């Protein structure tokens, strides 16, 4: 069985088949694949490549994966391609919020 994730495809294997062909699945993980282990068609575990040492601790991909592994966040189901996000604010001119606050404080003072 093959399923899709944000990196492309993942293979799923039942426990019985995994036990019979463990070396093959370990080679696949070493090559970068993630293997989902199933028991009665329910995913119960993942076999994934070991983390490579030497990656910068401030590498965003490593930090995001650490947070996903700790169940703090979920990784996206699909790649976002060239999509990016940038904040644009509320569209107010510079200083407008401060001016409004000052006016409100004068009314209550």
N, C-alpha and C. Protein backbone atom coordinates (compact mmCIF):
# COMPACT_ATOMS: atom_id res chain seq x y z
N UNK A 1 0.85 -1.17 0.00
CA UNK A 1 0.00 0.00 0.00
C UNK A 1 0.89 1.23 0.00
N UNK A 2 0.48 2.24 -0.75
CA UNK A 2 1.21 3.50 -0.79
C UNK A 2 0.23 4.62 -0.48
N UNK A 3 0.65 5.55 0.33
CA UNK A 3 -0.19 6.69 0.68
C UNK A 3 0.60 7.95 0.43
N UNK A 4 -0.06 9.10 0.41
CA UNK A 4 0.60 10.36 0.08
C UNK A 4 0.82 11.19 1.33
N UNK A 5 1.91 11.94 1.36
CA UNK A 5 2.17 12.91 2.42
C UNK A 5 2.81 14.13 1.80
N UNK A 6 3.28 15.07 2.62
CA UNK A 6 3.84 16.31 2.10
C UNK A 6 5.17 16.11 1.40
N UNK A 7 5.82 14.98 1.58
CA UNK A 7 7.09 14.71 0.89
C UNK A 7 6.90 13.88 -0.37
N UNK A 8 5.72 13.45 -0.66
CA UNK A 8 5.50 12.62 -1.83
C UNK A 8 4.70 11.39 -1.46
N UNK A 9 5.34 10.22 -1.44
CA UNK A 9 4.62 9.00 -1.11
C UNK A 9 5.25 8.30 0.07
N UNK A 10 4.41 7.56 0.79
CA UNK A 10 4.88 6.73 1.88
C UNK A 10 4.35 5.33 1.63
N UNK A 11 5.10 4.35 2.03
CA UNK A 11 4.67 2.97 1.91
C UNK A 11 4.07 2.53 3.23
N UNK A 12 3.07 1.67 3.16
CA UNK A 12 2.48 1.08 4.35
C UNK A 12 2.67 -0.42 4.27
N UNK A 13 2.98 -1.03 5.40
CA UNK A 13 3.22 -2.47 5.43
C UNK A 13 2.62 -3.04 6.72
N UNK A 14 2.04 -4.23 6.59
CA UNK A 14 1.51 -4.93 7.76
C UNK A 14 2.64 -5.52 8.58
N UNK A 15 2.35 -5.78 9.83
CA UNK A 15 3.37 -6.29 10.75
C UNK A 15 3.95 -7.62 10.27
N UNK A 16 3.11 -8.51 9.79
CA UNK A 16 3.57 -9.83 9.35
C UNK A 16 4.57 -9.71 8.19
N UNK A 17 4.22 -8.88 7.20
CA UNK A 17 5.11 -8.69 6.06
C UNK A 17 6.39 -7.97 6.48
N UNK A 18 6.26 -6.99 7.40
CA UNK A 18 7.43 -6.28 7.90
C UNK A 18 8.42 -7.24 8.55
N UNK A 19 7.90 -8.16 9.39
CA UNK A 19 8.78 -9.13 10.05
C UNK A 19 9.50 -10.01 9.03
N UNK A 20 8.80 -10.37 7.97
CA UNK A 20 9.38 -11.25 6.96
C UNK A 20 10.42 -10.55 6.09
N UNK A 21 10.27 -9.23 5.90
CA UNK A 21 11.15 -8.50 4.99
C UNK A 21 11.76 -7.27 5.66
N UNK A 22 12.10 -7.39 6.94
CA UNK A 22 12.59 -6.25 7.71
C UNK A 22 13.80 -5.59 7.06
N UNK A 23 14.76 -6.36 6.60
CA UNK A 23 15.96 -5.78 6.00
C UNK A 23 15.62 -4.88 4.81
N UNK A 24 14.69 -5.32 3.99
CA UNK A 24 14.28 -4.51 2.82
C UNK A 24 13.69 -3.18 3.26
N UNK A 25 12.85 -3.19 4.28
CA UNK A 25 12.23 -1.94 4.74
C UNK A 25 13.24 -1.03 5.43
N UNK A 26 14.21 -1.60 6.10
CA UNK A 26 15.28 -0.79 6.70
C UNK A 26 16.09 -0.11 5.60
N UNK A 27 16.38 -0.83 4.52
CA UNK A 27 17.09 -0.21 3.38
C UNK A 27 16.28 0.94 2.79
N UNK A 28 14.97 0.76 2.70
CA UNK A 28 14.12 1.82 2.17
C UNK A 28 14.17 3.06 3.08
N UNK A 29 14.12 2.84 4.38
CA UNK A 29 14.20 3.96 5.33
C UNK A 29 15.55 4.65 5.22
N UNK A 30 16.61 3.87 5.11
CA UNK A 30 17.96 4.44 4.96
C UNK A 30 18.03 5.32 3.71
N UNK A 31 17.28 4.95 2.67
CA UNK A 31 17.26 5.71 1.42
C UNK A 31 16.35 6.94 1.50
N UNK A 32 15.69 7.12 2.64
CA UNK A 32 14.90 8.34 2.82
C UNK A 32 13.40 8.15 2.86
N UNK A 33 12.91 6.94 2.69
CA UNK A 33 11.47 6.71 2.69
C UNK A 33 10.94 6.57 4.11
N UNK A 34 9.67 6.92 4.27
CA UNK A 34 8.96 6.71 5.53
C UNK A 34 8.02 5.54 5.32
N UNK A 35 8.08 4.56 6.20
CA UNK A 35 7.23 3.37 6.09
C UNK A 35 6.24 3.38 7.24
N UNK A 36 4.97 3.29 6.91
CA UNK A 36 3.93 3.22 7.92
C UNK A 36 3.69 1.75 8.26
N UNK A 37 3.69 1.41 9.52
CA UNK A 37 3.45 0.04 9.96
C UNK A 37 1.99 -0.06 10.38
N UNK A 38 1.28 -1.05 9.80
CA UNK A 38 -0.14 -1.18 10.09
C UNK A 38 -0.43 -2.48 10.82
N UNK A 39 -1.48 -2.45 11.60
CA UNK A 39 -2.02 -3.63 12.27
C UNK A 39 -3.52 -3.62 12.03
N UNK A 40 -3.99 -4.56 11.24
CA UNK A 40 -5.41 -4.63 10.86
C UNK A 40 -5.87 -3.32 10.21
N UNK A 41 -5.07 -2.85 9.26
CA UNK A 41 -5.35 -1.64 8.47
C UNK A 41 -5.35 -0.35 9.28
N UNK A 42 -4.80 -0.37 10.48
CA UNK A 42 -4.65 0.84 11.29
C UNK A 42 -3.16 1.14 11.44
N UNK A 43 -2.76 2.38 11.13
CA UNK A 43 -1.35 2.76 11.27
C UNK A 43 -1.02 2.82 12.75
N UNK A 44 0.01 2.05 13.14
CA UNK A 44 0.41 1.99 14.55
C UNK A 44 1.82 2.51 14.80
N UNK A 45 2.62 2.65 13.73
CA UNK A 45 4.00 3.11 13.90
C UNK A 45 4.54 3.60 12.56
N UNK A 46 5.68 4.27 12.64
CA UNK A 46 6.39 4.72 11.45
C UNK A 46 7.85 4.29 11.56
N UNK A 47 8.41 3.90 10.44
CA UNK A 47 9.86 3.69 10.34
C UNK A 47 10.35 4.79 9.42
N UNK A 48 11.26 5.60 9.91
CA UNK A 48 11.74 6.73 9.11
C UNK A 48 13.25 6.81 9.21
N UNK A 49 13.87 7.54 8.28
CA UNK A 49 15.33 7.67 8.33
C UNK A 49 15.78 8.30 9.64
N UNK A 50 16.93 7.88 10.11
CA UNK A 50 17.51 8.49 11.31
C UNK A 50 17.90 9.92 11.00
N UNK A 51 17.86 10.76 12.00
CA UNK A 51 18.29 12.15 11.83
C UNK A 51 19.77 12.19 11.55
N UNK A 52 20.16 13.02 10.64
CA UNK A 52 21.57 13.18 10.32
C UNK A 52 22.18 14.17 11.30
N UNK A 53 23.25 13.78 11.93
CA UNK A 53 23.93 14.69 12.85
C UNK A 53 24.67 15.75 12.05
N UNK A 54 24.88 16.89 12.64
CA UNK A 54 25.62 17.94 11.97
C UNK A 54 24.73 19.01 11.36
N UNK A 55 23.40 18.80 11.38
CA UNK A 55 22.52 19.85 10.89
C UNK A 55 22.48 20.98 11.90
N UNK A 56 22.40 22.18 11.42
CA UNK A 56 22.37 23.35 12.30
C UNK A 56 21.12 23.30 13.17
N UNK A 57 21.28 23.60 14.45
CA UNK A 57 20.14 23.58 15.36
C UNK A 57 19.11 24.62 15.01
N UNK A 58 19.51 25.66 14.28
CA UNK A 58 18.56 26.70 13.93
C UNK A 58 18.02 26.51 12.51
N UNK A 59 18.25 25.35 11.90
CA UNK A 59 17.69 25.02 10.59
C UNK A 59 16.17 24.91 10.74
N UNK A 60 15.39 25.73 10.04
CA UNK A 60 13.93 25.72 10.22
C UNK A 60 13.31 24.36 9.97
N UNK A 61 13.80 23.61 8.99
CA UNK A 61 13.22 22.30 8.72
C UNK A 61 13.44 21.34 9.88
N UNK A 62 14.61 21.41 10.50
CA UNK A 62 14.90 20.56 11.65
C UNK A 62 14.03 20.97 12.83
N UNK A 63 13.92 22.26 13.06
CA UNK A 63 13.10 22.74 14.18
C UNK A 63 11.63 22.36 13.99
N UNK A 64 11.11 22.52 12.77
CA UNK A 64 9.72 22.15 12.51
C UNK A 64 9.51 20.65 12.70
N UNK A 65 10.45 19.85 12.24
CA UNK A 65 10.32 18.40 12.41
C UNK A 65 10.38 18.02 13.88
N UNK A 66 11.24 18.69 14.65
CA UNK A 66 11.29 18.44 16.10
C UNK A 66 9.95 18.74 16.75
N UNK A 67 9.33 19.85 16.37
CA UNK A 67 8.02 20.20 16.92
C UNK A 67 6.94 19.21 16.49
N UNK A 68 7.01 18.74 15.25
CA UNK A 68 6.05 17.74 14.78
C UNK A 68 6.25 16.42 15.54
N UNK A 69 7.51 16.02 15.75
CA UNK A 69 7.79 14.79 16.48
C UNK A 69 7.30 14.86 17.92
N UNK A 70 7.31 16.07 18.49
CA UNK A 70 6.84 16.26 19.86
C UNK A 70 5.33 16.49 19.91
N UNK A 71 4.66 16.38 18.76
CA UNK A 71 3.20 16.57 18.65
C UNK A 71 2.77 17.98 19.04
N UNK A 72 3.64 18.96 18.84
CA UNK A 72 3.30 20.35 19.11
C UNK A 72 2.60 20.95 17.90
N UNK A 73 2.95 20.48 16.72
CA UNK A 73 2.31 20.93 15.49
C UNK A 73 2.21 19.77 14.52
N UNK A 74 1.40 19.93 13.50
CA UNK A 74 1.27 18.92 12.45
C UNK A 74 1.89 19.46 11.19
N UNK A 75 2.60 18.61 10.51
CA UNK A 75 3.20 19.00 9.24
C UNK A 75 2.10 19.06 8.17
N UNK A 76 2.27 19.88 7.15
CA UNK A 76 1.24 20.02 6.12
C UNK A 76 1.04 18.72 5.35
N UNK A 77 -0.18 18.53 4.84
CA UNK A 77 -0.49 17.34 4.08
C UNK A 77 0.07 17.42 2.67
N UNK A 78 0.27 18.64 2.15
CA UNK A 78 0.78 18.82 0.80
C UNK A 78 1.84 19.91 0.80
N UNK A 79 2.74 19.82 -0.14
CA UNK A 79 3.74 20.87 -0.30
C UNK A 79 3.07 22.14 -0.75
N UNK A 80 3.64 23.26 -0.39
CA UNK A 80 3.07 24.55 -0.74
C UNK A 80 3.72 25.16 -1.97
N UNK A 81 4.70 24.47 -2.55
CA UNK A 81 5.35 24.98 -3.75
C UNK A 81 6.05 26.29 -3.49
N UNK A 82 5.81 27.27 -4.34
CA UNK A 82 6.45 28.58 -4.21
C UNK A 82 5.66 29.54 -3.33
N UNK A 83 4.60 29.05 -2.70
CA UNK A 83 3.75 29.90 -1.88
C UNK A 83 4.52 30.41 -0.68
N UNK A 84 4.32 31.67 -0.35
CA UNK A 84 4.93 32.22 0.85
C UNK A 84 3.95 33.19 1.50
N UNK A 85 4.19 33.50 2.74
CA UNK A 85 3.31 34.37 3.51
C UNK A 85 4.11 35.56 3.97
N UNK A 86 3.52 36.73 3.86
CA UNK A 86 4.17 37.90 4.43
C UNK A 86 3.08 38.79 5.02
N UNK A 87 3.27 39.26 6.24
CA UNK A 87 2.27 40.10 6.89
C UNK A 87 2.19 41.46 6.21
N UNK A 88 1.00 41.98 6.11
CA UNK A 88 0.82 43.28 5.49
C UNK A 88 0.23 44.30 6.46
N UNK A 89 -0.07 43.89 7.66
CA UNK A 89 -0.66 44.82 8.62
C UNK A 89 -2.14 45.06 8.31
N UNK A 90 -2.68 46.11 8.90
CA UNK A 90 -4.10 46.42 8.72
C UNK A 90 -4.35 47.45 7.64
N UNK A 91 -3.32 47.94 7.01
CA UNK A 91 -3.49 48.94 5.97
C UNK A 91 -3.65 50.36 6.50
N UNK A 92 -3.36 50.57 7.77
CA UNK A 92 -3.44 51.91 8.35
C UNK A 92 -2.14 52.65 8.09
N UNK A 93 -2.26 53.96 8.00
CA UNK A 93 -1.04 54.74 7.82
C UNK A 93 -0.24 54.73 9.13
N UNK A 94 1.07 54.98 9.02
CA UNK A 94 1.96 54.93 10.17
C UNK A 94 1.50 55.94 11.23
N UNK A 95 1.35 55.46 12.48
CA UNK A 95 0.97 56.32 13.58
C UNK A 95 -0.54 56.42 13.82
N UNK A 96 -1.35 55.84 12.94
CA UNK A 96 -2.80 55.94 13.07
C UNK A 96 -3.30 55.28 14.36
N UNK A 97 -2.76 54.15 14.71
CA UNK A 97 -3.19 53.45 15.92
C UNK A 97 -2.85 54.27 17.16
N UNK A 98 -1.65 54.85 17.20
CA UNK A 98 -1.25 55.67 18.35
C UNK A 98 -2.15 56.89 18.47
N UNK A 99 -2.48 57.51 17.34
CA UNK A 99 -3.35 58.69 17.35
C UNK A 99 -4.74 58.33 17.90
N UNK A 100 -5.27 57.20 17.48
CA UNK A 100 -6.56 56.75 17.96
C UNK A 100 -6.53 56.48 19.46
N UNK A 101 -5.48 55.83 19.94
CA UNK A 101 -5.34 55.58 21.38
C UNK A 101 -5.26 56.88 22.17
N UNK A 102 -4.51 57.84 21.66
CA UNK A 102 -4.40 59.13 22.34
C UNK A 102 -5.77 59.82 22.43
N UNK A 103 -6.55 59.76 21.35
CA UNK A 103 -7.89 60.37 21.35
C UNK A 103 -8.80 59.67 22.36
N UNK A 104 -8.73 58.35 22.44
CA UNK A 104 -9.54 57.61 23.38
C UNK A 104 -9.16 57.94 24.82
N UNK A 105 -7.89 58.12 25.08
CA UNK A 105 -7.44 58.43 26.44
C UNK A 105 -7.87 59.83 26.86
N UNK A 106 -7.93 60.77 25.90
CA UNK A 106 -8.40 62.12 26.21
C UNK A 106 -9.86 62.12 26.60
N UNK A 107 -10.66 61.26 25.94
CA UNK A 107 -12.09 61.18 26.24
C UNK A 107 -12.36 60.62 27.62
N UNK A 108 -11.50 59.73 28.12
CA UNK A 108 -11.73 59.11 29.42
C UNK A 108 -11.02 59.86 30.54
N UNK A 109 -10.19 60.81 30.21
CA UNK A 109 -9.38 61.51 31.21
C UNK A 109 -10.06 62.65 31.77
